[in-house]
N, C-alpha and C. Protein backbone atom coordinates (compact mmCIF):
# COMPACT_ATOMS: atom_id res chain seq x y z
N MET A 1 102.39 35.75 84.38
CA MET A 1 103.20 34.90 85.24
C MET A 1 103.03 33.46 84.77
N SER A 2 104.13 32.74 84.68
CA SER A 2 104.07 31.35 84.22
C SER A 2 103.48 30.45 85.29
N THR A 3 103.05 29.29 84.86
CA THR A 3 102.47 28.31 85.78
C THR A 3 103.49 27.89 86.84
N GLU A 4 104.74 27.75 86.43
CA GLU A 4 105.79 27.38 87.39
C GLU A 4 105.96 28.45 88.45
N SER A 5 105.93 29.71 88.05
CA SER A 5 106.08 30.81 89.01
C SER A 5 104.94 30.82 90.00
N VAL A 6 103.74 30.62 89.51
CA VAL A 6 102.57 30.60 90.38
C VAL A 6 102.67 29.42 91.34
N LEU A 7 103.10 28.27 90.84
CA LEU A 7 103.24 27.08 91.67
C LEU A 7 104.28 27.31 92.77
N VAL A 8 105.42 27.86 92.40
CA VAL A 8 106.48 28.12 93.38
C VAL A 8 106.00 29.13 94.41
N LYS A 9 105.35 30.19 93.96
CA LYS A 9 104.84 31.21 94.88
C LYS A 9 103.83 30.60 95.84
N THR A 10 102.93 29.76 95.33
CA THR A 10 101.93 29.10 96.17
C THR A 10 102.59 28.19 97.19
N LEU A 11 103.58 27.42 96.77
CA LEU A 11 104.29 26.54 97.70
C LEU A 11 104.99 27.33 98.80
N PHE A 12 105.63 28.43 98.43
CA PHE A 12 106.28 29.28 99.43
C PHE A 12 105.26 29.83 100.42
N GLU A 13 104.15 30.34 99.90
CA GLU A 13 103.13 30.91 100.78
C GLU A 13 102.53 29.85 101.70
N MET A 14 102.35 28.63 101.19
CA MET A 14 101.83 27.54 102.02
C MET A 14 102.82 27.18 103.12
N SER A 15 104.09 27.40 102.87
CA SER A 15 105.13 27.12 103.87
C SER A 15 105.34 28.29 104.82
N GLY A 16 104.59 29.38 104.59
CA GLY A 16 104.75 30.55 105.45
C GLY A 16 105.82 31.50 104.96
N ILE A 17 106.34 31.27 103.78
CA ILE A 17 107.38 32.13 103.22
C ILE A 17 106.71 33.14 102.29
N THR A 18 106.58 34.36 102.79
CA THR A 18 105.97 35.43 102.02
C THR A 18 107.02 36.49 101.73
N PRO A 19 106.75 37.38 100.80
CA PRO A 19 107.72 38.47 100.56
C PRO A 19 108.03 39.26 101.83
N GLU A 20 107.04 39.43 102.69
CA GLU A 20 107.26 40.16 103.93
C GLU A 20 108.23 39.43 104.86
N THR A 21 108.05 38.10 105.00
CA THR A 21 108.96 37.35 105.88
C THR A 21 110.37 37.31 105.31
N VAL A 22 110.48 37.22 103.99
CA VAL A 22 111.81 37.24 103.37
C VAL A 22 112.48 38.59 103.62
N ASN A 23 111.73 39.68 103.47
CA ASN A 23 112.29 41.02 103.73
C ASN A 23 112.73 41.15 105.18
N GLN A 24 111.90 40.66 106.12
CA GLN A 24 112.26 40.73 107.54
C GLN A 24 113.53 39.93 107.82
N MET A 25 113.64 38.76 107.22
CA MET A 25 114.84 37.93 107.42
C MET A 25 116.08 38.63 106.86
N LEU A 26 115.96 39.22 105.68
CA LEU A 26 117.09 39.92 105.08
C LEU A 26 117.52 41.12 105.92
N ILE A 27 116.55 41.86 106.44
CA ILE A 27 116.87 43.00 107.31
C ILE A 27 117.58 42.51 108.57
N SER A 28 117.09 41.43 109.15
CA SER A 28 117.71 40.88 110.36
C SER A 28 119.14 40.41 110.08
N ILE A 29 119.34 39.74 108.97
CA ILE A 29 120.69 39.26 108.61
C ILE A 29 121.62 40.44 108.38
N ALA A 30 121.14 41.47 107.69
CA ALA A 30 121.96 42.65 107.43
C ALA A 30 122.32 43.37 108.72
N ASN A 31 121.35 43.48 109.64
CA ASN A 31 121.62 44.13 110.92
C ASN A 31 122.64 43.35 111.73
N ASP A 32 122.51 42.03 111.76
CA ASP A 32 123.47 41.20 112.49
C ASP A 32 124.87 41.31 111.89
N ALA A 33 124.95 41.35 110.57
CA ALA A 33 126.25 41.45 109.90
C ALA A 33 126.89 42.81 110.14
N ALA A 34 126.08 43.83 110.33
CA ALA A 34 126.61 45.18 110.52
C ALA A 34 127.12 45.41 111.94
N LYS A 35 126.69 44.58 112.88
CA LYS A 35 127.14 44.75 114.26
C LYS A 35 128.60 44.34 114.38
N PRO A 36 129.39 45.16 115.05
CA PRO A 36 130.78 44.75 115.25
C PRO A 36 130.84 43.61 116.28
N LEU A 37 131.75 42.71 116.08
CA LEU A 37 131.92 41.59 117.00
C LEU A 37 132.79 42.06 118.16
N ILE A 38 132.17 42.20 119.31
CA ILE A 38 132.88 42.64 120.50
C ILE A 38 132.84 41.50 121.50
N LEU A 39 134.00 40.93 121.78
CA LEU A 39 134.07 39.78 122.68
C LEU A 39 134.14 40.19 124.14
N PHE A 40 134.90 41.24 124.42
CA PHE A 40 135.10 41.67 125.80
C PHE A 40 134.79 43.16 125.93
N TRP A 41 134.50 43.57 127.15
CA TRP A 41 134.38 44.99 127.43
C TRP A 41 134.97 45.28 128.79
N ASP A 42 135.39 46.51 128.98
CA ASP A 42 135.97 46.93 130.26
C ASP A 42 134.95 47.80 130.98
N ILE A 43 135.34 48.30 132.14
CA ILE A 43 134.39 49.07 132.94
C ILE A 43 133.94 50.34 132.23
N ASN A 44 134.82 50.94 131.44
CA ASN A 44 134.41 52.15 130.71
C ASN A 44 133.34 51.84 129.67
N ASP A 45 133.46 50.68 129.03
CA ASP A 45 132.43 50.27 128.06
C ASP A 45 131.10 50.01 128.77
N ILE A 46 131.16 49.40 129.95
CA ILE A 46 129.93 49.12 130.71
C ILE A 46 129.30 50.43 131.16
N ILE A 47 130.12 51.38 131.59
CA ILE A 47 129.60 52.70 131.98
C ILE A 47 128.87 53.34 130.81
N LYS A 48 129.47 53.30 129.63
CA LYS A 48 128.83 53.90 128.44
C LYS A 48 127.53 53.19 128.10
N ALA A 49 127.52 51.87 128.21
CA ALA A 49 126.34 51.10 127.82
C ALA A 49 125.18 51.27 128.80
N THR A 50 125.49 51.44 130.08
CA THR A 50 124.44 51.51 131.10
C THR A 50 124.16 52.91 131.60
N THR A 51 125.08 53.82 131.41
CA THR A 51 125.06 55.20 131.94
C THR A 51 125.09 55.23 133.47
N PHE A 52 125.48 54.13 134.10
CA PHE A 52 125.68 54.11 135.55
C PHE A 52 127.07 54.63 135.86
N SER A 53 127.23 55.18 137.05
CA SER A 53 128.55 55.66 137.45
C SER A 53 129.45 54.47 137.80
N ARG A 54 130.72 54.72 137.79
CA ARG A 54 131.70 53.69 138.14
C ARG A 54 131.44 53.18 139.56
N LYS A 55 131.20 54.09 140.49
CA LYS A 55 130.96 53.72 141.89
C LYS A 55 129.71 52.85 142.01
N PHE A 56 128.65 53.24 141.32
CA PHE A 56 127.41 52.46 141.37
C PHE A 56 127.65 51.05 140.83
N LEU A 57 128.34 50.95 139.71
CA LEU A 57 128.63 49.64 139.14
C LEU A 57 129.45 48.80 140.11
N GLU A 58 130.48 49.40 140.70
CA GLU A 58 131.33 48.68 141.65
C GLU A 58 130.52 48.21 142.86
N ASP A 59 129.64 49.07 143.37
CA ASP A 59 128.90 48.76 144.60
C ASP A 59 127.73 47.81 144.38
N HIS A 60 127.07 47.89 143.22
CA HIS A 60 125.80 47.18 143.06
C HIS A 60 125.77 46.13 141.95
N ILE A 61 126.69 46.18 141.03
CA ILE A 61 126.61 45.27 139.89
C ILE A 61 127.82 44.34 139.79
N LEU A 62 128.99 44.91 139.77
CA LEU A 62 130.20 44.13 139.47
C LEU A 62 130.59 43.16 140.58
N ASN A 63 130.01 43.32 141.76
CA ASN A 63 130.31 42.38 142.84
C ASN A 63 129.32 41.21 142.87
N ASP A 64 128.38 41.19 141.95
CA ASP A 64 127.41 40.10 141.85
C ASP A 64 128.12 38.87 141.27
N PRO A 65 127.93 37.69 141.86
CA PRO A 65 128.61 36.48 141.37
C PRO A 65 128.31 36.15 139.91
N ARG A 66 127.11 36.50 139.44
CA ARG A 66 126.76 36.24 138.04
C ARG A 66 127.59 37.09 137.08
N ILE A 67 128.05 38.24 137.54
CA ILE A 67 128.91 39.11 136.74
C ILE A 67 130.37 38.72 136.96
N GLN A 68 130.73 38.45 138.21
CA GLN A 68 132.12 38.14 138.54
C GLN A 68 132.63 36.89 137.83
N ARG A 69 131.76 35.95 137.53
CA ARG A 69 132.23 34.72 136.89
C ARG A 69 132.80 34.97 135.50
N TYR A 70 132.43 36.10 134.88
CA TYR A 70 132.94 36.42 133.54
C TYR A 70 134.07 37.45 133.56
N GLU A 71 134.48 37.84 134.75
CA GLU A 71 135.56 38.83 134.89
C GLU A 71 136.92 38.15 134.77
N ARG A 72 137.81 38.78 134.03
CA ARG A 72 139.18 38.29 133.90
C ARG A 72 140.13 39.45 134.10
N GLN A 73 141.29 39.12 134.66
CA GLN A 73 142.32 40.12 134.94
C GLN A 73 143.67 39.42 134.77
N ARG A 74 144.51 39.98 133.97
CA ARG A 74 145.80 39.32 133.68
C ARG A 74 146.66 39.20 134.93
N GLU A 75 146.71 40.25 135.71
CA GLU A 75 147.50 40.24 136.95
C GLU A 75 146.82 41.12 137.97
N LYS A 76 147.14 40.93 139.23
CA LYS A 76 146.52 41.72 140.29
C LYS A 76 146.81 43.20 140.03
N GLY A 77 145.77 43.99 140.06
CA GLY A 77 145.92 45.41 139.79
C GLY A 77 145.85 45.76 138.32
N GLY A 78 145.76 44.74 137.46
CA GLY A 78 145.68 44.97 136.01
C GLY A 78 144.26 45.31 135.58
N LYS A 79 144.13 45.60 134.32
CA LYS A 79 142.83 45.97 133.76
C LYS A 79 141.88 44.78 133.83
N ARG A 80 140.66 45.07 134.27
CA ARG A 80 139.63 44.04 134.33
C ARG A 80 138.79 44.09 133.05
N ILE A 81 138.46 42.92 132.54
CA ILE A 81 137.57 42.82 131.39
C ILE A 81 136.54 41.74 131.67
N TRP A 82 135.43 41.80 130.95
CA TRP A 82 134.35 40.84 131.10
C TRP A 82 133.95 40.35 129.72
N LEU A 83 133.55 39.08 129.63
CA LEU A 83 132.96 38.59 128.39
C LEU A 83 131.68 39.40 128.15
N ARG A 84 131.57 39.98 126.99
CA ARG A 84 130.51 40.95 126.76
C ARG A 84 129.11 40.34 126.78
N GLU A 85 128.87 39.34 125.96
CA GLU A 85 127.50 38.84 125.80
C GLU A 85 126.91 38.25 127.08
N PRO A 86 127.60 37.33 127.76
CA PRO A 86 126.99 36.78 128.98
C PRO A 86 126.88 37.82 130.10
N THR A 87 127.82 38.74 130.15
CA THR A 87 127.75 39.79 131.17
C THR A 87 126.56 40.70 130.90
N ALA A 88 126.34 41.05 129.64
CA ALA A 88 125.20 41.90 129.29
C ALA A 88 123.89 41.20 129.63
N LYS A 89 123.81 39.90 129.38
CA LYS A 89 122.59 39.15 129.72
C LYS A 89 122.38 39.10 131.23
N SER A 90 123.45 38.88 131.98
CA SER A 90 123.34 38.86 133.44
C SER A 90 122.94 40.23 133.97
N LEU A 91 123.51 41.26 133.41
CA LEU A 91 123.19 42.63 133.82
C LEU A 91 121.71 42.92 133.57
N GLN A 92 121.22 42.52 132.42
CA GLN A 92 119.81 42.71 132.10
C GLN A 92 118.93 41.93 133.07
N GLU A 93 119.32 40.71 133.38
CA GLU A 93 118.56 39.88 134.31
C GLU A 93 118.50 40.53 135.69
N ILE A 94 119.62 41.01 136.17
CA ILE A 94 119.67 41.66 137.49
C ILE A 94 118.74 42.86 137.53
N ILE A 95 118.83 43.71 136.53
CA ILE A 95 118.04 44.94 136.53
C ILE A 95 116.55 44.65 136.34
N MET A 96 116.21 43.79 135.41
CA MET A 96 114.80 43.57 135.10
C MET A 96 114.09 42.69 136.12
N ASN A 97 114.79 41.77 136.76
CA ASN A 97 114.12 40.83 137.65
C ASN A 97 114.27 41.14 139.13
N GLU A 98 115.27 41.93 139.49
CA GLU A 98 115.52 42.12 140.92
C GLU A 98 115.33 43.55 141.39
N TRP A 99 115.20 44.47 140.48
CA TRP A 99 114.98 45.86 140.86
C TRP A 99 113.49 46.18 140.75
N ASN A 100 113.04 47.14 141.54
CA ASN A 100 111.63 47.56 141.48
C ASN A 100 111.38 48.47 140.32
């Protein structure tokens, strides 16, 4: 190994950049790139993601103001959709912090 290579490797390691951290970063980037970009979801998507019944979601989750603020409906009686990311975070917060 040349002196330059050793010097560069030492500088990287001193900065906390090791082959392991580089591999972890690459795996994380690849996983993020492989995820489909989903902006909105409907009640059927929420049912699939949570495995809760439609009635349970209607009665206990979707009427929560933290979820309702992300709900959109083109017209009365039309399909309801929610912004996916903030709704998922709110849903996680409700379940993890308020349920026994």
